[in-house]
Protein backbone atom coordinates (compact mmCIF):
# COMPACT_ATOMS: atom_id res chain seq x y z
CA UNK A 1 0.00 0.00 0.00
CA UNK A 2 1.31 3.42 -0.98
CA UNK A 3 1.37 6.12 1.69
CA UNK A 4 1.36 9.80 0.74
CA UNK A 5 1.53 13.01 2.70
CA UNK A 6 -0.81 15.96 2.21
CA UNK A 7 -0.10 19.50 3.42
CA UNK A 8 -2.92 22.02 2.98
CA UNK A 9 -3.11 25.79 3.16
CA UNK A 10 -5.38 27.35 5.80
CA UNK A 11 -7.94 28.21 3.14
CA UNK A 12 -11.54 27.04 2.70
CA UNK A 13 -11.20 26.24 -1.00
CA UNK A 14 -7.89 24.40 -0.53
CA UNK A 15 -9.32 22.36 2.36
CA UNK A 16 -12.41 21.48 0.33
CA UNK A 17 -10.27 20.25 -2.55
CA UNK A 18 -8.00 18.37 -0.12
CA UNK A 19 -11.06 16.54 1.21
CA UNK A 20 -11.97 15.48 -2.32
CA UNK A 21 -8.41 14.34 -2.93
CA UNK A 22 -8.31 12.30 0.27
CA UNK A 23 -11.54 10.49 -0.61
CA UNK A 24 -10.23 9.81 -4.11
CA UNK A 25 -6.93 8.45 -2.77
CA UNK A 26 -8.63 6.22 -0.23
CA UNK A 27 -10.79 4.77 -3.02
CA UNK A 28 -7.51 3.64 -4.56
CA UNK A 29 -6.39 2.04 -1.29
CA UNK A 30 -3.75 4.69 -0.61
CA UNK A 31 -2.94 5.64 2.97
CA UNK A 32 -2.79 9.35 3.84
CA UNK A 33 -0.75 11.26 6.39
CA UNK A 34 -1.58 14.91 7.03
CA UNK A 35 0.65 17.55 8.57
CA UNK A 36 -0.69 19.64 11.43
CA UNK A 37 -0.82 23.30 10.49
CA UNK A 38 1.58 25.58 12.34
CA UNK A 39 1.40 29.28 11.50
CA UNK A 40 4.61 30.86 10.20
CA UNK A 41 6.45 33.42 12.27
CA UNK A 42 6.57 31.35 15.46
CA UNK A 43 9.70 31.89 17.51
CA UNK A 44 12.17 29.03 17.56
CA UNK A 45 11.76 28.32 21.25
CA UNK A 46 7.99 27.97 20.85
CA UNK A 47 8.11 25.76 17.76
CA UNK A 48 7.43 22.05 17.84
CA UNK A 49 7.08 19.97 14.73
CA UNK A 50 7.14 16.25 14.07
CA UNK A 51 8.91 14.94 10.98
CA UNK A 52 7.13 13.33 8.06
CA UNK A 53 7.11 9.51 8.16
CA UNK A 54 10.11 8.09 6.33
CA UNK A 55 8.01 5.66 4.26
CA UNK A 56 6.01 8.30 2.37
CA UNK A 57 5.91 7.77 -1.39
CA UNK A 58 5.58 11.53 -1.89
CA UNK A 59 4.05 14.68 -0.44
CA UNK A 60 1.33 16.76 -2.13
CA UNK A 61 1.09 20.43 -1.15
CA UNK A 62 -2.15 22.32 -1.74
CA UNK A 63 -1.35 25.97 -1.23
CA UNK A 64 1.09 28.74 -2.06
CA UNK A 65 4.81 29.04 -1.57
CA UNK A 66 4.50 29.51 2.20
CA UNK A 67 2.65 26.21 2.53
CA UNK A 68 5.25 24.54 0.32
CA UNK A 69 8.10 25.79 2.52
CA UNK A 70 6.27 24.52 5.58
CA UNK A 71 5.99 21.09 3.93
CA UNK A 72 9.70 21.09 3.12
CA UNK A 73 10.47 21.72 6.79
CA UNK A 74 8.16 18.81 7.67
CA UNK A 75 10.08 16.48 5.33
CA UNK A 76 13.38 17.60 6.83
CA UNK A 77 16.49 15.89 5.44
CA UNK A 78 14.55 12.92 4.08
CA UNK A 79 14.61 12.18 0.35
CA UNK A 80 10.83 12.32 -0.14
CA UNK A 81 9.59 13.76 -3.46
CA UNK A 82 7.29 16.78 -3.12
CA UNK A 83 4.77 18.34 -5.50
CA UNK A 84 3.13 21.75 -5.18
CA UNK A 85 -0.41 22.43 -6.41
CA UNK A 86 -1.07 26.15 -6.61
CA UNK A 87 -3.71 27.59 -4.26
CA UNK A 88 -1.86 30.84 -3.56
CA UNK A 89 -1.16 34.19 -5.15
CA UNK A 90 2.30 33.58 -6.60
CA UNK A 91 3.17 29.91 -6.58
CA UNK A 92 6.76 29.91 -7.89
CA UNK A 93 7.23 26.54 -6.19
CA UNK A 94 4.04 24.94 -7.52
CA UNK A 95 4.37 22.53 -10.43
CA UNK A 96 0.68 22.48 -11.37
CA UNK A 97 -2.66 24.18 -10.68
CA UNK A 98 -5.94 23.20 -9.03
CA UNK A 99 -7.67 22.43 -12.33
CA UNK A 100 -5.12 19.71 -13.14
CA UNK A 101 -4.99 18.23 -9.63
CA UNK A 102 -6.44 14.75 -10.18
CA UNK A 103 -4.76 13.94 -13.53
CA UNK A 104 -1.45 15.15 -12.08
CA UNK A 105 -1.77 13.08 -8.89
CA UNK A 106 -2.64 10.00 -10.93
CA UNK A 107 0.41 10.56 -13.11
CA UNK A 108 2.59 10.82 -10.01
CA UNK A 109 1.12 7.69 -8.44
CA UNK A 110 1.91 5.85 -11.69
CA UNK A 111 5.52 7.09 -11.41
CA UNK A 112 5.28 9.17 -14.59
CA UNK A 113 7.42 11.99 -13.31
CA UNK A 114 10.99 13.12 -12.77
CA UNK A 115 12.53 14.90 -9.81
CA UNK A 116 14.76 17.95 -9.71
CA UNK A 117 17.15 18.48 -6.84
CA UNK A 118 16.96 21.94 -5.31
CA UNK A 119 19.80 23.14 -3.11
CA UNK A 120 19.12 24.09 0.49
CA UNK A 121 21.18 26.03 3.00
CA UNK A 122 22.31 24.69 6.35
CA UNK A 123 22.23 27.44 8.97
CA UNK A 124 23.87 27.20 12.38
CA UNK A 125 23.46 29.86 15.07
CA UNK A 126 25.90 29.89 17.97
CA UNK A 127 26.10 31.98 21.11
CA UNK A 128 29.36 31.99 23.08
CA UNK A 129 30.53 28.91 21.11
CA UNK A 130 27.34 26.97 21.94
CA UNK A 131 24.99 26.04 19.09
CA UNK A 132 21.47 27.23 19.88
CA UNK A 133 19.78 26.62 16.53
CA UNK A 134 20.35 24.52 13.41
CA UNK A 135 17.99 24.80 10.44
CA UNK A 136 17.84 24.00 6.75
CA UNK A 137 16.09 26.38 4.37
CA UNK A 138 15.00 26.05 0.75
CA UNK A 139 14.56 29.75 0.01
CA UNK A 140 16.47 32.02 2.35
CA UNK A 141 17.45 33.32 5.72
CA UNK A 142 16.75 36.98 6.44
CA UNK A 143 18.35 39.27 8.99
CA UNK A 144 15.94 42.16 9.53
CA UNK A 145 15.82 45.11 11.88
CA UNK A 146 12.63 46.02 13.71
CA UNK A 147 10.45 48.98 12.82
CA UNK A 148 12.06 51.29 15.39
CA UNK A 149 15.61 49.94 15.25
CA UNK A 150 18.56 51.78 13.73
CA UNK A 151 20.43 50.41 10.75
CA UNK A 152 21.77 46.92 11.29
CA UNK A 153 25.56 46.56 11.04
CA UNK A 154 26.15 43.09 9.65
CA UNK A 155 29.76 41.87 9.61
CA UNK A 156 30.20 39.31 6.83
CA UNK A 157 33.00 36.84 6.13
CA UNK A 158 33.38 34.44 3.18
CA UNK A 159 35.49 31.36 3.95
CA UNK A 160 36.91 33.24 6.97
CA UNK A 161 37.92 36.18 4.77
CA UNK A 162 36.37 39.52 5.74
CA UNK A 163 34.03 40.80 3.01
CA UNK A 164 32.27 43.89 4.37
CA UNK A 165 30.05 45.24 7.11
CA UNK A 166 26.64 45.91 5.63
CA UNK A 167 24.93 48.95 7.13
CA UNK A 168 21.40 48.27 6.00
CA UNK A 169 17.86 47.43 7.01
CA UNK A 170 18.90 43.80 6.73
CA UNK A 171 20.52 41.07 4.66
CA UNK A 172 19.06 38.14 2.69
CA UNK A 173 21.10 35.01 2.04
CA UNK A 174 19.26 32.92 -0.54
CA UNK A 175 19.49 29.82 -2.69
CA UNK A 176 18.84 30.02 -6.44
CA UNK A 177 15.32 28.78 -5.68
CA UNK A 178 14.91 31.64 -3.20
CA UNK A 179 16.14 34.23 -5.70
CA UNK A 180 12.53 34.75 -6.85
CA UNK A 181 11.30 35.38 -3.29
CA UNK A 182 12.20 38.24 -0.90
CA UNK A 183 15.59 38.74 -2.56
CA UNK A 184 13.91 39.63 -5.85
CA UNK A 185 11.77 42.26 -4.14
CA UNK A 186 14.96 43.70 -2.59
CA UNK A 187 16.57 44.12 -6.01
CA UNK A 188 18.42 40.80 -6.30
CA UNK A 189 18.85 38.88 -9.56
CA UNK A 190 16.91 35.82 -10.68
CA UNK A 191 19.15 32.74 -10.62
CA UNK A 192 18.20 29.52 -12.39
CA UNK A 193 17.87 26.66 -9.84
CA UNK A 194 20.57 24.65 -11.63
CA UNK A 195 23.19 27.39 -11.14
CA UNK A 196 25.45 26.50 -8.17
CA UNK A 197 25.65 29.61 -6.05
CA UNK A 198 24.51 31.41 -2.89
CA UNK A 199 23.00 34.87 -3.20
CA UNK A 200 23.57 37.71 -0.73
CA UNK A 201 21.21 40.67 -1.09
CA UNK A 202 21.35 43.67 1.27
CA UNK A 203 18.02 45.29 2.15
CA UNK A 204 18.07 49.07 1.62
CA UNK A 205 21.85 49.43 2.16
CA UNK A 206 23.12 52.77 3.44
CA UNK A 207 26.08 52.48 1.06
CA UNK A 208 24.60 52.44 -2.44
CA UNK A 209 27.57 50.53 -3.84
CA UNK A 210 26.68 47.50 -1.67
CA UNK A 211 25.07 45.42 -4.39
CA UNK A 212 23.75 41.83 -4.47
CA UNK A 213 26.56 39.28 -4.60
CA UNK A 214 26.62 35.65 -5.76
CA UNK A 215 29.26 33.43 -4.16
CA UNK A 216 30.08 29.78 -5.01
CA UNK A 217 27.92 27.13 -3.38
CA UNK A 218 31.14 25.74 -1.84
CA UNK A 219 31.56 28.89 0.25
CA UNK A 220 30.92 29.18 3.97
CA UNK A 221 29.38 32.49 5.03
CA UNK A 222 29.87 33.76 8.58
CA UNK A 223 27.77 36.64 9.89
CA UNK A 224 27.73 38.58 13.14
CA UNK A 225 26.24 41.89 14.24
CA UNK A 226 28.01 45.06 15.27
CA UNK A 227 28.05 46.20 18.88
CA UNK A 228 24.88 47.35 20.65
CA UNK A 229 22.57 45.62 18.17
CA UNK A 230 18.99 45.23 19.33
CA UNK A 231 15.59 44.46 17.84
CA UNK A 232 17.15 42.28 15.12
CA UNK A 233 15.42 39.13 13.92
CA UNK A 234 16.75 36.15 11.99
CA UNK A 235 14.07 34.26 10.05
CA UNK A 236 14.26 30.87 8.34
CA UNK A 237 12.23 30.57 5.13
CA UNK A 238 9.74 32.97 6.71
CA UNK A 239 8.54 30.05 8.85
CA UNK A 240 10.30 30.61 12.18
CA UNK A 241 12.32 33.39 13.76
CA UNK A 242 15.02 33.99 16.32
CA UNK A 243 16.01 37.26 17.98
CA UNK A 244 19.75 37.84 17.62
CA UNK A 245 22.32 40.33 18.88
CA UNK A 246 26.08 40.88 18.80
CA UNK A 247 26.65 37.73 20.88
CA UNK A 248 25.35 35.47 18.10
CA UNK A 249 27.28 34.06 15.14
CA UNK A 250 25.51 32.70 12.04
CA UNK A 251 27.21 30.14 9.81
CA UNK A 252 25.64 29.41 6.42
CA UNK A 253 26.68 26.82 3.86
CA UNK A 254 25.22 24.42 1.33
CA UNK A 255 23.16 21.71 3.00
CA UNK A 256 24.08 18.08 2.22
CA UNK A 257 20.46 17.06 1.55
CA UNK A 258 18.63 18.83 -1.31
CA UNK A 259 14.87 18.90 -1.80
CA UNK A 260 13.50 16.48 -4.42
CA UNK A 261 10.89 18.49 -6.30
CA UNK A 262 8.62 16.55 -8.64
CA UNK A 263 8.66 17.80 -12.22
CA UNK A 264 6.13 16.96 -14.91
CA UNK A 265 6.51 16.65 -18.69
CA UNK A 266 6.14 19.89 -20.68
CA UNK A 267 6.64 22.10 -17.61
CA UNK A 268 9.51 24.54 -18.07
CA UNK A 269 11.10 26.87 -15.52
CA UNK A 270 11.28 29.81 -17.91
CA UNK A 271 7.58 29.55 -18.74
CA UNK A 272 6.77 29.75 -15.03
CA UNK A 273 9.16 32.67 -14.64
CA UNK A 274 7.65 34.62 -17.54
CA UNK A 275 4.12 33.99 -16.35
CA UNK A 276 4.69 34.91 -12.70
CA UNK A 277 6.72 38.03 -13.49
CA UNK A 278 4.43 38.98 -16.38
CA UNK A 279 7.24 39.31 -18.87
CA UNK A 280 6.61 39.65 -22.58
CA UNK A 281 5.65 36.22 -23.86
CA UNK A 282 4.38 35.11 -20.42
CA UNK A 283 0.94 33.82 -19.58
CA UNK A 284 -1.15 35.08 -16.67
């Protein structure tokens, strides 16, 4: 008996369609495991999540990119294929849409699909040489100052070599997959998911010559804050956050376990890109 996971957006239409999908799957003698919904933005110390069962054939995500990122966190480092079905506003991570749900799921169950490996980042946060958090992210980590805080002073090293101290509202460190998320809104470039690199995008830098930078995916990035830093938050894929100050050190590098995203025939990255960004030649 196949066992699949289903992760659903907190949305009436998505939940209704998920109910139809569950009944359809059970009629085919397929076991279903659902993920409990946890709202994004919870602080690390308040967060509790169980991992997806290791014997899942795949995971179906009914929702937008936020729901997809939540499902990726649920899977953790396991090599479980995942498919997004768009029920959100943007849906860069979705492979198909609601109208094609049942034919697509049937195709997946019949193993008529490929998978594409998407790089993740491994993020370690230490305080006085003690690790207090370890997370993997598919899109990005963001260092952001609060509404009333002064500019953040973010000391940055690449492979233990000093790069610069960003004086800015914050800093985004993103994967190629995450280049179309917050980094894009902050003026960063779009990077194809197959390009091996890590993107660093300052948010509203005080020095206008501080531009987005792409470093090799073999690099290790070390970040700390300048003295007397307060009201600074570190967020992981927009799903969980941690308050940080000058006593914290953040180490970022390529994670050993990528995400296996299900891809379907005749679905092309550039078509999705054109459509979502409404470029000439794109479809709405």
